[in-house]
Amino acid sequence: MAASKTATRNVIAILAMLLLSVAGGLLTERALSSVRQAEYPRGYDEFIVPAAYENRIPEWAAFAAVKMRSDFEAAKRSPEGLVGLFQLSEEQYYILSDPSDALDPGLLYDPEVNIRLGCRWISSLYERYGSWEAVWAAMYAGDEAVDGWMVPSKDGSGKVLGQIPDEDTAKYTEKMIKITEKYKKIYTESLSIPDDGTDASVTE
């Protein structure tokens, strides 16, 4: 009888330990998730989500670009005169704006305007190159530089980005790739536009 009670107590103790282990694991995972989201946040969702959809780019690409370029600081201005969340120049403002827009470069400080134009910029670069690596390189070095780095693809179907000769651009591109992977991993389930894991823009 005593042996039976002892066995029962042992079983209960083991079950309790298992439950605590599972609960601890869940709490740890939630804590890690919170840390990751704090390091790679989502900000200005009300502007980024519709702008990404309108320009047919993945949301993770827009969030990653803003994280890299301004760390979500809408009032940021670089020594080179790049402004706002996407760090756009006045020249880019005029190129990317619609003719019907109120043409005032000061609007680059407006998060909604900056995000709309930034997503339009990413979309145009992806349409031009068809490669996220080339898009990120062009955002740093300019499309003229990247045009010179494109080489014929092995299958002869077009051109692909070759070796990036500029060290700063190569480092920037590599970091952008890592950041986009973080955003895809952390937020894919909550993004309104699913990521299909391919190197392509969001298309029907």
C-alpha atoms as a PDB file:
ATOM      1  CA  MET A   1       0.000   0.000   0.000  1.00  0.00           C
ATOM      2  CA  ALA A   2       2.765   2.387   0.974  1.00  0.00           C
ATOM      3  CA  ALA A   3       4.619   1.490  -2.195  1.00  0.00           C
ATOM      4  CA  SER A   4       1.507   2.284  -4.243  1.00  0.00           C
ATOM      5  CA  LYS A   5       1.165   5.719  -2.609  1.00  0.00           C
ATOM      6  CA  THR A   6       4.818   6.421  -3.211  1.00  0.00           C
ATOM      7  CA  ALA A   7       4.474   5.511  -6.890  1.00  0.00           C
ATOM      8  CA  THR A   8       1.443   7.766  -7.224  1.00  0.00           C
ATOM      9  CA  ARG A   9       3.309  10.659  -5.630  1.00  0.00           C
ATOM     10  CA  ASN A  10       6.224  10.088  -7.994  1.00  0.00           C
ATOM     11  CA  VAL A  11       3.920  10.138 -11.015  1.00  0.00           C
ATOM     12  CA  ILE A  12       2.290  13.366  -9.827  1.00  0.00           C
ATOM     13  CA  ALA A  13       5.695  14.927  -9.223  1.00  0.00           C
ATOM     14  CA  ILE A  14       6.862  13.943 -12.698  1.00  0.00           C
ATOM     15  CA  LEU A  15       3.692  15.352 -14.292  1.00  0.00           C
ATOM     16  CA  ALA A  16       4.092  18.568 -12.311  1.00  0.00           C
ATOM     17  CA  MET A  17       7.686  18.891 -13.491  1.00  0.00           C
ATOM     18  CA  LEU A  18       6.619  18.294 -17.088  1.00  0.00           C
ATOM     19  CA  LEU A  19       3.903  20.947 -16.847  1.00  0.00           C
ATOM     20  CA  LEU A  20       6.337  23.438 -15.344  1.00  0.00           C
ATOM     21  CA  SER A  21       8.845  22.660 -18.073  1.00  0.00           C
ATOM     22  CA  VAL A  22       6.275  23.246 -20.813  1.00  0.00           C
ATOM     23  CA  ALA A  23       5.049  26.442 -19.180  1.00  0.00           C
ATOM     24  CA  GLY A  24       8.609  27.649 -18.755  1.00  0.00           C
ATOM     25  CA  GLY A  25       9.348  26.926 -22.389  1.00  0.00           C
ATOM     26  CA  LEU A  26       6.313  28.902 -23.517  1.00  0.00           C
ATOM     27  CA  LEU A  27       7.250  31.823 -21.314  1.00  0.00           C
ATOM     28  CA  THR A  28      10.823  31.736 -22.607  1.00  0.00           C
ATOM     29  CA  GLU A  29       9.647  31.690 -26.216  1.00  0.00           C
ATOM     30  CA  ARG A  30       7.296  34.599 -25.576  1.00  0.00           C
ATOM     31  CA  ALA A  31      10.090  36.525 -23.895  1.00  0.00           C
ATOM     32  CA  LEU A  32      12.416  35.859 -26.830  1.00  0.00           C
ATOM     33  CA  SER A  33       9.685  36.908 -29.269  1.00  0.00           C
ATOM     34  CA  SER A  34       9.229  40.180 -27.388  1.00  0.00           C
ATOM     35  CA  VAL A  35      12.967  40.822 -27.500  1.00  0.00           C
ATOM     36  CA  ARG A  36      13.076  40.146 -31.248  1.00  0.00           C
ATOM     37  CA  GLN A  37      10.119  42.438 -31.898  1.00  0.00           C
ATOM     38  CA  ALA A  38      11.734  45.193 -29.838  1.00  0.00           C
ATOM     39  CA  GLU A  39      14.910  44.882 -31.905  1.00  0.00           C
ATOM     40  CA  TYR A  40      13.035  44.672 -35.219  1.00  0.00           C
ATOM     41  CA  PRO A  41       9.855  46.687 -34.629  1.00  0.00           C
ATOM     42  CA  ARG A  42       6.904  47.422 -36.840  1.00  0.00           C
ATOM     43  CA  GLY A  43       6.018  51.086 -36.889  1.00  0.00           C
ATOM     44  CA  TYR A  44       3.691  53.220 -38.995  1.00  0.00           C
ATOM     45  CA  ASP A  45       1.635  50.158 -39.941  1.00  0.00           C
ATOM     46  CA  GLU A  46      -1.278  52.398 -40.892  1.00  0.00           C
ATOM     47  CA  PHE A  47       0.840  53.829 -43.722  1.00  0.00           C
ATOM     48  CA  ILE A  48       3.234  50.995 -44.602  1.00  0.00           C
ATOM     49  CA  VAL A  49       0.631  48.247 -45.016  1.00  0.00           C
ATOM     50  CA  PRO A  50      -1.534  50.048 -47.623  1.00  0.00           C
ATOM     51  CA  ALA A  51       1.491  51.572 -49.394  1.00  0.00           C
ATOM     52  CA  ALA A  52       3.138  48.160 -49.720  1.00  0.00           C
ATOM     53  CA  TYR A  53      -0.082  46.662 -51.059  1.00  0.00           C
ATOM     54  CA  GLU A  54      -0.627  49.526 -53.501  1.00  0.00           C
ATOM     55  CA  ASN A  55       2.896  49.162 -54.870  1.00  0.00           C
ATOM     56  CA  ARG A  56       2.805  45.358 -54.873  1.00  0.00           C
ATOM     57  CA  ILE A  57       5.779  44.790 -52.598  1.00  0.00           C
ATOM     58  CA  PRO A  58       5.986  42.573 -49.496  1.00  0.00           C
ATOM     59  CA  GLU A  59       5.409  44.411 -46.240  1.00  0.00           C
ATOM     60  CA  TRP A  60       8.573  42.908 -44.796  1.00  0.00           C
ATOM     61  CA  ALA A  61      10.586  44.697 -47.484  1.00  0.00           C
ATOM     62  CA  ALA A  62       9.140  48.073 -46.505  1.00  0.00           C
ATOM     63  CA  PHE A  63       9.559  47.537 -42.765  1.00  0.00           C
ATOM     64  CA  ALA A  64      13.133  46.316 -43.235  1.00  0.00           C
ATOM     65  CA  ALA A  65      14.048  49.289 -45.417  1.00  0.00           C
ATOM     66  CA  VAL A  66      12.700  51.782 -42.878  1.00  0.00           C
ATOM     67  CA  LYS A  67      14.498  49.966 -40.062  1.00  0.00           C
ATOM     68  CA  MET A  68      17.790  50.059 -41.949  1.00  0.00           C
ATOM     69  CA  ARG A  69      17.597  53.579 -43.331  1.00  0.00           C
ATOM     70  CA  SER A  70      16.145  55.599 -40.452  1.00  0.00           C
ATOM     71  CA  ASP A  71      15.361  53.197 -37.595  1.00  0.00           C
ATOM     72  CA  PHE A  72      11.788  54.546 -37.758  1.00  0.00           C
ATOM     73  CA  GLU A  73      12.851  58.150 -37.060  1.00  0.00           C
ATOM     74  CA  ALA A  74      10.510  60.269 -39.192  1.00  0.00           C
ATOM     75  CA  ALA A  75      12.436  63.480 -38.464  1.00  0.00           C
ATOM     76  CA  LYS A  76      15.852  62.081 -39.378  1.00  0.00           C
ATOM     77  CA  ARG A  77      17.970  64.110 -41.799  1.00  0.00           C
ATOM     78  CA  SER A  78      21.356  62.819 -42.911  1.00  0.00           C
ATOM     79  CA  PRO A  79      24.438  65.003 -43.517  1.00  0.00           C
ATOM     80  CA  GLU A  80      23.849  64.371 -47.236  1.00  0.00           C
ATOM     81  CA  GLY A  81      20.355  65.841 -46.990  1.00  0.00           C
ATOM     82  CA  LEU A  82      18.379  62.595 -47.097  1.00  0.00           C
ATOM     83  CA  VAL A  83      15.110  62.980 -45.231  1.00  0.00           C
ATOM     84  CA  GLY A  84      12.578  60.959 -43.280  1.00  0.00           C
ATOM     85  CA  LEU A  85      11.772  57.305 -42.792  1.00  0.00           C
ATOM     86  CA  PHE A  86      13.085  56.124 -46.168  1.00  0.00           C
ATOM     87  CA  GLN A  87      15.859  58.747 -46.277  1.00  0.00           C
ATOM     88  CA  LEU A  88      14.804  60.264 -49.595  1.00  0.00           C
ATOM     89  CA  SER A  89      16.398  63.210 -51.385  1.00  0.00           C
ATOM     90  CA  GLU A  90      14.589  66.225 -52.771  1.00  0.00           C
ATOM     91  CA  GLU A  91      15.388  64.967 -56.275  1.00  0.00           C
ATOM     92  CA  GLN A  92      13.735  61.654 -55.481  1.00  0.00           C
ATOM     93  CA  TYR A  93      10.734  63.504 -54.109  1.00  0.00           C
ATOM     94  CA  TYR A  94      10.117  65.175 -57.465  1.00  0.00           C
ATOM     95  CA  ILE A  95      10.798  61.980 -59.435  1.00  0.00           C
ATOM     96  CA  LEU A  96       8.544  59.753 -57.339  1.00  0.00           C
ATOM     97  CA  SER A  97       5.689  62.177 -56.719  1.00  0.00           C
ATOM     98  CA  ASP A  98       2.540  62.220 -58.832  1.00  0.00           C
ATOM     99  CA  PRO A  99       1.983  65.340 -60.959  1.00  0.00           C
ATOM    100  CA  SER A 100      -1.167  65.971 -58.925  1.00  0.00           C
ATOM    101  CA  ASP A 101       0.741  65.971 -55.630  1.00  0.00           C
ATOM    102  CA  ALA A 102       1.374  69.229 -53.806  1.00  0.00           C
ATOM    103  CA  LEU A 103       5.050  69.541 -54.703  1.00  0.00           C
ATOM    104  CA  ASP A 104       6.741  70.552 -51.481  1.00  0.00           C
ATOM    105  CA  PRO A 105       9.926  68.664 -50.499  1.00  0.00           C
ATOM    106  CA  GLY A 106       9.184  69.568 -46.882  1.00  0.00           C
ATOM    107  CA  LEU A 107       6.507  66.892 -47.041  1.00  0.00           C
ATOM    108  CA  LEU A 108       9.269  64.286 -46.900  1.00  0.00           C
ATOM    109  CA  TYR A 109       9.065  64.725 -43.131  1.00  0.00           C
ATOM    110  CA  ASP A 110       5.435  63.573 -43.291  1.00  0.00           C
ATOM    111  CA  PRO A 111       5.514  59.796 -42.563  1.00  0.00           C
ATOM    112  CA  GLU A 112       2.584  59.042 -44.878  1.00  0.00           C
ATOM    113  CA  VAL A 113       4.157  60.876 -47.828  1.00  0.00           C
ATOM    114  CA  ASN A 114       7.644  59.486 -47.202  1.00  0.00           C
ATOM    115  CA  ILE A 115       6.375  55.928 -46.911  1.00  0.00           C
ATOM    116  CA  ARG A 116       4.239  56.191 -50.037  1.00  0.00           C
ATOM    117  CA  LEU A 117       7.192  57.427 -52.068  1.00  0.00           C
ATOM    118  CA  GLY A 118       9.608  54.977 -50.444  1.00  0.00           C
ATOM    119  CA  CYS A 119       7.424  51.997 -51.312  1.00  0.00           C
ATOM    120  CA  ARG A 120       7.059  53.370 -54.829  1.00  0.00           C
ATOM    121  CA  TRP A 121      10.863  53.547 -55.030  1.00  0.00           C
ATOM    122  CA  ILE A 122      11.313  49.942 -53.886  1.00  0.00           C
ATOM    123  CA  SER A 123       8.674  48.786 -56.359  1.00  0.00           C
ATOM    124  CA  SER A 124      10.366  50.565 -59.261  1.00  0.00           C
ATOM    125  CA  LEU A 125      13.745  49.067 -58.352  1.00  0.00           C
ATOM    126  CA  TYR A 126      12.331  45.561 -58.077  1.00  0.00           C
ATOM    127  CA  GLU A 127      10.593  45.951 -61.420  1.00  0.00           C
ATOM    128  CA  ARG A 128      13.923  47.043 -62.876  1.00  0.00           C
ATOM    129  CA  TYR A 129      16.100  44.292 -61.429  1.00  0.00           C
ATOM    130  CA  GLY A 130      13.857  41.458 -60.265  1.00  0.00           C
ATOM    131  CA  SER A 131      16.218  40.739 -57.377  1.00  0.00           C
ATOM    132  CA  TRP A 132      16.067  41.935 -53.780  1.00  0.00           C
ATOM    133  CA  GLU A 133      19.856  41.883 -53.525  1.00  0.00           C
ATOM    134  CA  ALA A 134      20.064  44.290 -56.458  1.00  0.00           C
ATOM    135  CA  VAL A 135      17.291  46.452 -54.978  1.00  0.00           C
ATOM    136  CA  TRP A 136      19.146  46.909 -51.699  1.00  0.00           C
ATOM    137  CA  ALA A 137      22.415  47.605 -53.504  1.00  0.00           C
ATOM    138  CA  ALA A 138      20.714  50.245 -55.657  1.00  0.00           C
ATOM    139  CA  MET A 139      19.149  51.907 -52.624  1.00  0.00           C
ATOM    140  CA  TYR A 140      22.664  52.492 -51.313  1.00  0.00           C
ATOM    141  CA  ALA A 141      24.842  52.998 -54.385  1.00  0.00           C
ATOM    142  CA  GLY A 142      22.273  54.174 -56.937  1.00  0.00           C
ATOM    143  CA  ASP A 143      20.783  52.391 -59.913  1.00  0.00           C
ATOM    144  CA  GLU A 144      23.438  53.618 -62.339  1.00  0.00           C
ATOM    145  CA  ALA A 145      26.143  51.892 -60.296  1.00  0.00           C
ATOM    146  CA  VAL A 146      24.119  48.689 -60.009  1.00  0.00           C
ATOM    147  CA  ASP A 147      23.426  48.726 -63.768  1.00  0.00           C
ATOM    148  CA  GLY A 148      27.185  48.431 -64.227  1.00  0.00           C
ATOM    149  CA  TRP A 149      27.380  45.470 -61.856  1.00  0.00           C
ATOM    150  CA  MET A 150      24.740  43.386 -63.626  1.00  0.00           C
ATOM    151  CA  VAL A 151      26.028  40.388 -65.561  1.00  0.00           C
ATOM    152  CA  PRO A 152      24.346  37.871 -67.902  1.00  0.00           C
ATOM    153  CA  SER A 153      22.634  35.040 -66.054  1.00  0.00           C
ATOM    154  CA  LYS A 154      23.955  31.510 -66.519  1.00  0.00           C
ATOM    155  CA  ASP A 155      20.807  30.395 -68.317  1.00  0.00           C
ATOM    156  CA  GLY A 156      20.878  33.407 -70.621  1.00  0.00           C
ATOM    157  CA  SER A 157      17.427  34.552 -69.541  1.00  0.00           C
ATOM    158  CA  GLY A 158      18.547  38.013 -68.485  1.00  0.00           C
ATOM    159  CA  LYS A 159      20.930  39.737 -66.127  1.00  0.00           C
ATOM    160  CA  VAL A 160      21.721  39.196 -62.456  1.00  0.00           C
ATOM    161  CA  LEU A 161      23.743  41.123 -59.927  1.00  0.00           C
ATOM    162  CA  GLY A 162      27.383  40.118 -60.087  1.00  0.00           C
ATOM    163  CA  GLN A 163      30.019  40.707 -57.452  1.00  0.00           C
ATOM    164  CA  ILE A 164      29.612  44.101 -55.785  1.00  0.00           C
ATOM    165  CA  PRO A 165      32.990  45.843 -56.106  1.00  0.00           C
ATOM    166  CA  ASP A 166      32.234  48.592 -53.594  1.00  0.00           C
ATOM    167  CA  GLU A 167      32.864  47.383 -50.036  1.00  0.00           C
ATOM    168  CA  ASP A 168      30.386  49.761 -48.359  1.00  0.00           C
ATOM    169  CA  THR A 169      27.606  48.779 -50.754  1.00  0.00           C
ATOM    170  CA  ALA A 170      28.387  45.090 -50.256  1.00  0.00           C
ATOM    171  CA  LYS A 171      28.176  45.475 -46.465  1.00  0.00           C
ATOM    172  CA  TYR A 172      24.950  47.473 -46.709  1.00  0.00           C
ATOM    173  CA  THR A 173      23.375  44.887 -49.014  1.00  0.00           C
ATOM    174  CA  GLU A 174      24.408  41.992 -46.791  1.00  0.00           C
ATOM    175  CA  LYS A 175      22.971  43.729 -43.730  1.00  0.00           C
ATOM    176  CA  MET A 176      19.704  44.466 -45.539  1.00  0.00           C
ATOM    177  CA  ILE A 177      19.360  40.802 -46.494  1.00  0.00           C
ATOM    178  CA  LYS A 178      19.817  39.799 -42.847  1.00  0.00           C
ATOM    179  CA  ILE A 179      17.262  42.367 -41.677  1.00  0.00           C
ATOM    180  CA  THR A 180      14.670  41.245 -44.216  1.00  0.00           C
ATOM    181  CA  GLU A 181      15.133  37.647 -43.076  1.00  0.00           C
ATOM    182  CA  LYS A 182      14.510  38.753 -39.477  1.00  0.00           C
ATOM    183  CA  TYR A 183      11.299  40.555 -40.420  1.00  0.00           C
ATOM    184  CA  LYS A 184      10.057  37.605 -42.459  1.00  0.00           C
ATOM    185  CA  LYS A 185      10.791  35.178 -39.622  1.00  0.00           C
ATOM    186  CA  ILE A 186       9.278  37.306 -36.855  1.00  0.00           C
ATOM    187  CA  TYR A 187       6.235  38.740 -38.605  1.00  0.00           C
ATOM    188  CA  THR A 188       5.257  36.530 -41.546  1.00  0.00           C
ATOM    189  CA  GLU A 189       2.241  35.083 -39.692  1.00  0.00           C
ATOM    190  CA  SER A 190       0.891  38.549 -38.873  1.00  0.00           C
ATOM    191  CA  LEU A 191       1.555  40.180 -42.242  1.00  0.00           C
ATOM    192  CA  SER A 192      -1.570  40.838 -44.250  1.00  0.00           C
ATOM    193  CA  ILE A 193       0.271  39.833 -47.430  1.00  0.00           C
ATOM    194  CA  PRO A 194       1.692  36.304 -47.029  1.00  0.00           C
ATOM    195  CA  ASP A 195       5.293  35.649 -47.933  1.00  0.00           C
ATOM    196  CA  ASP A 196       5.667  32.706 -50.302  1.00  0.00           C
ATOM    197  CA  GLY A 197       9.389  32.360 -49.723  1.00  0.00           C
ATOM    198  CA  THR A 198      10.332  33.287 -53.279  1.00  0.00           C
ATOM    199  CA  ASP A 199      12.490  36.110 -54.553  1.00  0.00           C
ATOM    200  CA  ALA A 200       9.579  38.002 -56.067  1.00  0.00           C
ATOM    201  CA  SER A 201       7.301  40.915 -55.436  1.00  0.00           C
ATOM    202  CA  VAL A 202       3.716  40.387 -54.417  1.00  0.00           C
ATOM    203  CA  THR A 203       1.757  39.511 -57.510  1.00  0.00           C
ATOM    204  CA  GLU A 204      -1.571  37.961 -58.219  1.00  0.00           C
END
